[in-house]
Amino acid sequence: MAKTVILHVVNEDAIVADMEDLPDPSANYFVCTNIRKKDGKPVSYIERGVKQVLFPWNRVSFIEVMESQEEKRSVVDFYREG
């Protein structure tokens, strides 16, 4: 199952993508699919029809891994009735 991540690319706005597995820190690059802006619009520097993009580690500041719908359902939220 693909994980949704937010990539913080150096000197660019953050973008949203999917990854099959978390990247190996010792690799030179990692693979992403379904790349889009945070608002869902296409990323201007990626051509239409591109299925996968290989990002070099030196172009990425950090990666945020979003929780899946499955993980959200398994979390018990506490609330107080007022």
PDB file of N, CA and C in Angstrom:
ATOM      1  N   MET A   1       0.839  -1.185   0.000  1.00  0.00           N
ATOM      2  CA  MET A   1       0.000   0.000   0.000  1.00  0.00           C
ATOM      3  C   MET A   1       0.877   1.238   0.000  1.00  0.00           C
ATOM      4  N   ALA A   2       0.594   2.164  -0.871  1.00  0.00           N
ATOM      5  CA  ALA A   2       1.393   3.380  -1.012  1.00  0.00           C
ATOM      6  C   ALA A   2       1.179   4.312   0.180  1.00  0.00           C
ATOM      7  N   LYS A   3       2.248   4.992   0.545  1.00  0.00           N
ATOM      8  CA  LYS A   3       2.193   5.983   1.612  1.00  0.00           C
ATOM      9  C   LYS A   3       2.153   7.366   0.969  1.00  0.00           C
ATOM     10  N   THR A   4       1.333   8.249   1.500  1.00  0.00           N
ATOM     11  CA  THR A   4       1.293   9.623   1.030  1.00  0.00           C
ATOM     12  C   THR A   4       2.323  10.418   1.819  1.00  0.00           C
ATOM     13  N   VAL A   5       3.157  11.173   1.091  1.00  0.00           N
ATOM     14  CA  VAL A   5       4.215  11.957   1.728  1.00  0.00           C
ATOM     15  C   VAL A   5       4.175  13.392   1.218  1.00  0.00           C
ATOM     16  N   ILE A   6       4.730  14.284   2.007  1.00  0.00           N
ATOM     17  CA  ILE A   6       4.941  15.661   1.583  1.00  0.00           C
ATOM     18  C   ILE A   6       6.445  15.848   1.466  1.00  0.00           C
ATOM     19  N   LEU A   7       6.900  16.184   0.253  1.00  0.00           N
ATOM     20  CA  LEU A   7       8.320  16.388  -0.007  1.00  0.00           C
ATOM     21  C   LEU A   7       8.635  17.874   0.059  1.00  0.00           C
ATOM     22  N   HIS A   8       9.643  18.213   0.805  1.00  0.00           N
ATOM     23  CA  HIS A   8      10.100  19.595   0.885  1.00  0.00           C
ATOM     24  C   HIS A   8      11.375  19.695   0.056  1.00  0.00           C
ATOM     25  N   VAL A   9      11.179  20.079  -1.213  1.00  0.00           N
ATOM     26  CA  VAL A   9      12.276  20.177  -2.170  1.00  0.00           C
ATOM     27  C   VAL A   9      12.980  21.512  -1.973  1.00  0.00           C
ATOM     28  N   VAL A  10      14.310  21.509  -2.035  1.00  0.00           N
ATOM     29  CA  VAL A  10      15.107  22.713  -1.836  1.00  0.00           C
ATOM     30  C   VAL A  10      14.709  23.773  -2.864  1.00  0.00           C
ATOM     31  N   ASN A  11      14.456  24.984  -2.400  1.00  0.00           N
ATOM     32  CA  ASN A  11      14.108  26.152  -3.226  1.00  0.00           C
ATOM     33  C   ASN A  11      12.822  25.975  -4.037  1.00  0.00           C
ATOM     34  N   GLU A  12      11.922  25.115  -3.608  1.00  0.00           N
ATOM     35  CA  GLU A  12      10.631  24.903  -4.268  1.00  0.00           C
ATOM     36  C   GLU A  12       9.543  24.813  -3.196  1.00  0.00           C
ATOM     37  N   ASP A  13       8.296  24.945  -3.609  1.00  0.00           N
ATOM     38  CA  ASP A  13       7.187  24.717  -2.693  1.00  0.00           C
ATOM     39  C   ASP A  13       7.074  23.227  -2.408  1.00  0.00           C
ATOM     40  N   ALA A  14       6.538  22.893  -1.260  1.00  0.00           N
ATOM     41  CA  ALA A  14       6.340  21.492  -0.892  1.00  0.00           C
ATOM     42  C   ALA A  14       5.349  20.844  -1.857  1.00  0.00           C
ATOM     43  N   ILE A  15       5.567  19.559  -2.148  1.00  0.00           N
ATOM     44  CA  ILE A  15       4.681  18.820  -3.041  1.00  0.00           C
ATOM     45  C   ILE A  15       4.242  17.530  -2.368  1.00  0.00           C
ATOM     46  N   VAL A  16       3.114  17.002  -2.814  1.00  0.00           N
ATOM     47  CA  VAL A  16       2.565  15.762  -2.281  1.00  0.00           C
ATOM     48  C   VAL A  16       2.851  14.651  -3.281  1.00  0.00           C
ATOM     49  N   ALA A  17       3.179  13.468  -2.781  1.00  0.00           N
ATOM     50  CA  ALA A  17       3.470  12.328  -3.653  1.00  0.00           C
ATOM     51  C   ALA A  17       3.127  11.040  -2.921  1.00  0.00           C
ATOM     52  N   ASP A  18       3.177   9.939  -3.655  1.00  0.00           N
ATOM     53  CA  ASP A  18       2.979   8.613  -3.080  1.00  0.00           C
ATOM     54  C   ASP A  18       4.277   7.833  -3.197  1.00  0.00           C
ATOM     55  N   MET A  19       4.549   6.996  -2.189  1.00  0.00           N
ATOM     56  CA  MET A  19       5.721   6.109  -2.183  1.00  0.00           C
ATOM     57  C   MET A  19       5.267   4.724  -1.778  1.00  0.00           C
ATOM     58  N   GLU A  20       5.804   3.720  -2.430  1.00  0.00           N
ATOM     59  CA  GLU A  20       5.491   2.345  -2.055  1.00  0.00           C
ATOM     60  C   GLU A  20       6.117   1.998  -0.711  1.00  0.00           C
ATOM     61  N   ASP A  21       7.371   2.362  -0.526  1.00  0.00           N
ATOM     62  CA  ASP A  21       8.096   2.122   0.723  1.00  0.00           C
ATOM     63  C   ASP A  21       8.855   3.378   1.091  1.00  0.00           C
ATOM     64  N   LEU A  22       9.183   3.507   2.348  1.00  0.00           N
ATOM     65  CA  LEU A  22       9.999   4.644   2.755  1.00  0.00           C
ATOM     66  C   LEU A  22      11.388   4.495   2.141  1.00  0.00           C
ATOM     67  N   PRO A  23      12.005   5.605   1.751  1.00  0.00           N
ATOM     68  CA  PRO A  23      13.295   5.527   1.059  1.00  0.00           C
ATOM     69  C   PRO A  23      14.430   5.084   1.971  1.00  0.00           C
ATOM     70  N   ASP A  24      15.406   4.453   1.345  1.00  0.00           N
ATOM     71  CA  ASP A  24      16.616   4.019   2.040  1.00  0.00           C
ATOM     72  C   ASP A  24      17.560   5.217   2.156  1.00  0.00           C
ATOM     73  N   PRO A  25      17.941   5.622   3.365  1.00  0.00           N
ATOM     74  CA  PRO A  25      18.816   6.791   3.521  1.00  0.00           C
ATOM     75  C   PRO A  25      20.179   6.635   2.854  1.00  0.00           C
ATOM     76  N   SER A  26      20.619   5.400   2.626  1.00  0.00           N
ATOM     77  CA  SER A  26      21.930   5.200   2.009  1.00  0.00           C
ATOM     78  C   SER A  26      21.877   5.231   0.479  1.00  0.00           C
ATOM     79  N   ALA A  27      20.684   5.289  -0.100  1.00  0.00           N
ATOM     80  CA  ALA A  27      20.547   5.350  -1.564  1.00  0.00           C
ATOM     81  C   ALA A  27      20.815   6.769  -2.053  1.00  0.00           C
ATOM     82  N   ASN A  28      21.104   6.906  -3.339  1.00  0.00           N
ATOM     83  CA  ASN A  28      21.344   8.229  -3.921  1.00  0.00           C
ATOM     84  C   ASN A  28      20.051   8.938  -4.293  1.00  0.00           C
ATOM     85  N   TYR A  29      18.978   8.188  -4.484  1.00  0.00           N
ATOM     86  CA  TYR A  29      17.702   8.749  -4.899  1.00  0.00           C
ATOM     87  C   TYR A  29      16.564   7.891  -4.361  1.00  0.00           C
ATOM     88  N   PHE A  30      15.331   8.394  -4.487  1.00  0.00           N
ATOM     89  CA  PHE A  30      14.150   7.620  -4.131  1.00  0.00           C
ATOM     90  C   PHE A  30      13.073   7.884  -5.176  1.00  0.00           C
ATOM     91  N   VAL A  31      12.097   6.971  -5.263  1.00  0.00           N
ATOM     92  CA  VAL A  31      11.081   7.015  -6.304  1.00  0.00           C
ATOM     93  C   VAL A  31       9.741   7.462  -5.725  1.00  0.00           C
ATOM     94  N   CYS A  32       9.064   8.371  -6.447  1.00  0.00           N
ATOM     95  CA  CYS A  32       7.734   8.850  -6.071  1.00  0.00           C
ATOM     96  C   CYS A  32       6.795   8.724  -7.257  1.00  0.00           C
ATOM     97  N   THR A  33       5.516   8.545  -6.963  1.00  0.00           N
ATOM     98  CA  THR A  33       4.484   8.506  -7.996  1.00  0.00           C
ATOM     99  C   THR A  33       3.382   9.491  -7.617  1.00  0.00           C
ATOM    100  N   ASN A  34       2.490   9.759  -8.580  1.00  0.00           N
ATOM    101  CA  ASN A  34       1.315  10.608  -8.347  1.00  0.00           C
ATOM    102  C   ASN A  34       1.696  11.942  -7.699  1.00  0.00           C
ATOM    103  N   ILE A  35       2.612  12.654  -8.320  1.00  0.00           N
ATOM    104  CA  ILE A  35       3.120  13.906  -7.768  1.00  0.00           C
ATOM    105  C   ILE A  35       2.165  15.050  -8.097  1.00  0.00           C
ATOM    106  N   ARG A  36       1.890  15.883  -7.089  1.00  0.00           N
ATOM    107  CA  ARG A  36       0.972  17.001  -7.239  1.00  0.00           C
ATOM    108  C   ARG A  36       1.291  18.049  -6.183  1.00  0.00           C
ATOM    109  N   LYS A  37       0.748  19.253  -6.391  1.00  0.00           N
ATOM    110  CA  LYS A  37       0.895  20.299  -5.380  1.00  0.00           C
ATOM    111  C   LYS A  37      -0.029  19.967  -4.211  1.00  0.00           C
ATOM    112  N   LYS A  38       0.125  20.680  -3.127  1.00  0.00           N
ATOM    113  CA  LYS A  38      -0.715  20.440  -1.952  1.00  0.00           C
ATOM    114  C   LYS A  38      -2.194  20.652  -2.230  1.00  0.00           C
ATOM    115  N   ASP A  39      -2.521  21.524  -3.181  1.00  0.00           N
ATOM    116  CA  ASP A  39      -3.922  21.773  -3.521  1.00  0.00           C
ATOM    117  C   ASP A  39      -4.439  20.814  -4.598  1.00  0.00           C
ATOM    118  N   GLY A  40      -3.616  19.845  -5.005  1.00  0.00           N
ATOM    119  CA  GLY A  40      -4.038  18.844  -5.977  1.00  0.00           C
ATOM    120  C   GLY A  40      -3.733  19.188  -7.421  1.00  0.00           C
ATOM    121  N   LYS A  41      -3.248  20.396  -7.684  1.00  0.00           N
ATOM    122  CA  LYS A  41      -2.932  20.817  -9.048  1.00  0.00           C
ATOM    123  C   LYS A  41      -1.607  20.189  -9.501  1.00  0.00           C
ATOM    124  N   PRO A  42      -1.397  20.117 -10.819  1.00  0.00           N
ATOM    125  CA  PRO A  42      -0.138  19.546 -11.318  1.00  0.00           C
ATOM    126  C   PRO A  42       1.065  20.416 -10.964  1.00  0.00           C
ATOM    127  N   VAL A  43       2.218  19.778 -10.822  1.00  0.00           N
ATOM    128  CA  VAL A  43       3.469  20.479 -10.546  1.00  0.00           C
ATOM    129  C   VAL A  43       4.015  20.987 -11.882  1.00  0.00           C
ATOM    130  N   SER A  44       4.374  22.266 -11.968  1.00  0.00           N
ATOM    131  CA  SER A  44       4.740  22.894 -13.240  1.00  0.00           C
ATOM    132  C   SER A  44       6.006  22.310 -13.870  1.00  0.00           C
ATOM    133  N   TYR A  45       6.954  21.838 -13.079  1.00  0.00           N
ATOM    134  CA  TYR A  45       8.214  21.348 -13.638  1.00  0.00           C
ATOM    135  C   TYR A  45       8.208  19.847 -13.928  1.00  0.00           C
ATOM    136  N   ILE A  46       7.050  19.205 -13.814  1.00  0.00           N
ATOM    137  CA  ILE A  46       6.928  17.785 -14.161  1.00  0.00           C
ATOM    138  C   ILE A  46       5.935  17.666 -15.315  1.00  0.00           C
ATOM    139  N   GLU A  47       6.351  16.999 -16.377  1.00  0.00           N
ATOM    140  CA  GLU A  47       5.532  16.868 -17.582  1.00  0.00           C
ATOM    141  C   GLU A  47       4.292  16.017 -17.328  1.00  0.00           C
ATOM    142  N   ARG A  48       3.255  16.254 -18.125  1.00  0.00           N
ATOM    143  CA  ARG A  48       2.043  15.432 -18.053  1.00  0.00           C
ATOM    144  C   ARG A  48       2.377  14.006 -18.468  1.00  0.00           C
ATOM    145  N   GLY A  49       1.714  13.057 -17.874  1.00  0.00           N
ATOM    146  CA  GLY A  49       1.899  11.657 -18.236  1.00  0.00           C
ATOM    147  C   GLY A  49       3.059  10.968 -17.550  1.00  0.00           C
ATOM    148  N   VAL A  50       3.821  11.686 -16.733  1.00  0.00           N
ATOM    149  CA  VAL A  50       4.944  11.078 -16.011  1.00  0.00           C
ATOM    150  C   VAL A  50       4.382  10.183 -14.920  1.00  0.00           C
ATOM    151  N   LYS A  51       4.861   8.935 -14.865  1.00  0.00           N
ATOM    152  CA  LYS A  51       4.355   7.994 -13.872  1.00  0.00           C
ATOM    153  C   LYS A  51       5.200   7.974 -12.609  1.00  0.00           C
ATOM    154  N   GLN A  52       6.513   8.050 -12.762  1.00  0.00           N
ATOM    155  CA  GLN A  52       7.411   8.019 -11.610  1.00  0.00           C
ATOM    156  C   GLN A  52       8.467   9.101 -11.755  1.00  0.00           C
ATOM    157  N   VAL A  53       8.903   9.635 -10.613  1.00  0.00           N
ATOM    158  CA  VAL A  53       9.991  10.608 -10.592  1.00  0.00           C
ATOM    159  C   VAL A  53      11.015  10.123  -9.580  1.00  0.00           C
ATOM    160  N   LEU A  54      12.277  10.187  -9.973  1.00  0.00           N
ATOM    161  CA  LEU A  54      13.375   9.828  -9.087  1.00  0.00           C
ATOM    162  C   LEU A  54      13.981  11.114  -8.548  1.00  0.00           C
ATOM    163  N   PHE A  55      13.890  11.323  -7.240  1.00  0.00           N
ATOM    164  CA  PHE A  55      14.435  12.515  -6.604  1.00  0.00           C
ATOM    165  C   PHE A  55      15.770  12.189  -5.963  1.00  0.00           C
ATOM    166  N   PRO A  56      16.807  12.989  -6.226  1.00  0.00           N
ATOM    167  CA  PRO A  56      18.077  12.803  -5.511  1.00  0.00           C
ATOM    168  C   PRO A  56      17.946  13.347  -4.089  1.00  0.00           C
ATOM    169  N   TRP A  57      18.564  12.675  -3.138  1.00  0.00           N
ATOM    170  CA  TRP A  57      18.476  13.090  -1.742  1.00  0.00           C
ATOM    171  C   TRP A  57      18.965  14.517  -1.527  1.00  0.00           C
ATOM    172  N   ASN A  58      19.969  14.961  -2.305  1.00  0.00           N
ATOM    173  CA  ASN A  58      20.516  16.294  -2.056  1.00  0.00           C
ATOM    174  C   ASN A  58      19.558  17.418  -2.459  1.00  0.00           C
ATOM    175  N   ARG A  59      18.435  17.114  -3.110  1.00  0.00           N
ATOM    176  CA  ARG A  59      17.445  18.122  -3.487  1.00  0.00           C
ATOM    177  C   ARG A  59      16.271  18.192  -2.511  1.00  0.00           C
ATOM    178  N   VAL A  60      16.271  17.339  -1.488  1.00  0.00           N
ATOM    179  CA  VAL A  60      15.139  17.267  -0.563  1.00  0.00           C
ATOM    180  C   VAL A  60      15.598  17.619   0.850  1.00  0.00           C
ATOM    181  N   SER A  61      14.902  18.588   1.468  1.00  0.00           N
ATOM    182  CA  SER A  61      15.231  18.972   2.845  1.00  0.00           C
ATOM    183  C   SER A  61      14.745  17.923   3.829  1.00  0.00           C
ATOM    184  N   PHE A  62      13.464  17.554   3.703  1.00  0.00           N
ATOM    185  CA  PHE A  62      12.908  16.507   4.555  1.00  0.00           C
ATOM    186  C   PHE A  62      11.614  15.991   3.950  1.00  0.00           C
ATOM    187  N   ILE A  63      11.148  14.863   4.478  1.00  0.00           N
ATOM    188  CA  ILE A  63       9.940  14.200   3.990  1.00  0.00           C
ATOM    189  C   ILE A  63       8.992  14.012   5.166  1.00  0.00           C
ATOM    190  N   GLU A  64       7.731  14.411   4.988  1.00  0.00           N
ATOM    191  CA  GLU A  64       6.701  14.162   5.996  1.00  0.00           C
ATOM    192  C   GLU A  64       5.866  12.979   5.522  1.00  0.00           C
ATOM    193  N   VAL A  65       5.680  11.990   6.375  1.00  0.00           N
ATOM    194  CA  VAL A  65       4.868  10.820   6.047  1.00  0.00           C
ATOM    195  C   VAL A  65       3.502  11.001   6.696  1.00  0.00           C
ATOM    196  N   MET A  66       2.461  11.024   5.872  1.00  0.00           N
ATOM    197  CA  MET A  66       1.102  11.222   6.354  1.00  0.00           C
ATOM    198  C   MET A  66       0.510   9.888   6.801  1.00  0.00           C
ATOM    199  N   GLU A  67      -0.370   9.923   7.785  1.00  0.00           N
ATOM    200  CA  GLU A  67      -0.995   8.687   8.226  1.00  0.00           C
ATOM    201  C   GLU A  67      -2.087   8.276   7.236  1.00  0.00           C
ATOM    202  N   SER A  68      -2.238   6.986   7.061  1.00  0.00           N
ATOM    203  CA  SER A  68      -3.227   6.466   6.119  1.00  0.00           C
ATOM    204  C   SER A  68      -4.617   6.458   6.756  1.00  0.00           C
ATOM    205  N   GLN A  69      -5.637   6.248   5.918  1.00  0.00           N
ATOM    206  CA  GLN A  69      -7.009   6.145   6.427  1.00  0.00           C
ATOM    207  C   GLN A  69      -7.130   4.978   7.403  1.00  0.00           C
ATOM    208  N   GLU A  70      -6.425   3.905   7.115  1.00  0.00           N
ATOM    209  CA  GLU A  70      -6.447   2.723   7.985  1.00  0.00           C
ATOM    210  C   GLU A  70      -5.885   3.062   9.368  1.00  0.00           C
ATOM    211  N   GLU A  71      -4.791   3.824   9.404  1.00  0.00           N
ATOM    212  CA  GLU A  71      -4.192   4.223  10.676  1.00  0.00           C
ATOM    213  C   GLU A  71      -5.106   5.189  11.435  1.00  0.00           C
ATOM    214  N   LYS A  72      -5.782   6.065  10.715  1.00  0.00           N
ATOM    215  CA  LYS A  72      -6.694   7.014  11.371  1.00  0.00           C
ATOM    216  C   LYS A  72      -7.839   6.291  12.065  1.00  0.00           C
ATOM    217  N   ARG A  73      -8.343   5.215  11.437  1.00  0.00           N
ATOM    218  CA  ARG A  73      -9.454   4.473  12.042  1.00  0.00           C
ATOM    219  C   ARG A  73      -9.021   3.717  13.302  1.00  0.00           C
ATOM    220  N   SER A  74      -7.752   3.320  13.365  1.00  0.00           N
ATOM    221  CA  SER A  74      -7.303   2.528  14.504  1.00  0.00           C
ATOM    222  C   SER A  74      -6.936   3.382  15.717  1.00  0.00           C
ATOM    223  N   VAL A  75      -6.831   4.692  15.551  1.00  0.00           N
ATOM    224  CA  VAL A  75      -6.472   5.580  16.654  1.00  0.00           C
ATOM    225  C   VAL A  75      -7.725   5.934  17.439  1.00  0.00           C
ATOM    226  N   VAL A  76      -7.625   5.843  18.753  1.00  0.00           N
ATOM    227  CA  VAL A  76      -8.740   6.204  19.621  1.00  0.00           C
ATOM    228  C   VAL A  76      -8.539   7.652  20.048  1.00  0.00           C
ATOM    229  N   ASP A  77      -9.487   8.503  19.691  1.00  0.00           N
ATOM    230  CA  ASP A  77      -9.427   9.913  20.091  1.00  0.00           C
ATOM    231  C   ASP A  77     -10.212  10.104  21.379  1.00  0.00           C
ATOM    232  N   PHE A  78      -9.666  10.886  22.278  1.00  0.00           N
ATOM    233  CA  PHE A  78     -10.346  11.211  23.511  1.00  0.00           C
ATOM    234  C   PHE A  78     -10.973  12.587  23.373  1.00  0.00           C
ATOM    235  N   TYR A  79     -12.178  12.697  23.861  1.00  0.00           N
ATOM    236  CA  TYR A  79     -12.855  13.978  23.809  1.00  0.00           C
ATOM    237  C   TYR A  79     -13.667  14.169  25.084  1.00  0.00           C
ATOM    238  N   ARG A  80     -13.989  15.397  25.325  1.00  0.00           N
ATOM    239  CA  ARG A  80     -14.747  15.725  26.530  1.00  0.00           C
ATOM    240  C   ARG A  80     -16.039  16.371  26.109  1.00  0.00           C
ATOM    241  N   GLU A  81     -17.132  15.867  26.660  1.00  0.00           N
ATOM    242  CA  GLU A  81     -18.430  16.470  26.365  1.00  0.00           C
ATOM    243  C   GLU A  81     -18.606  17.661  27.296  1.00  0.00           C
ATOM    244  N   GLY A  82     -19.124  18.731  26.727  1.00  0.00           N
ATOM    245  CA  GLY A  82     -19.223  19.942  27.517  1.00  0.00           C
ATOM    246  C   GLY A  82     -20.565  20.379  27.870  1.00  0.00           C
TER     247      GLY A  82
END
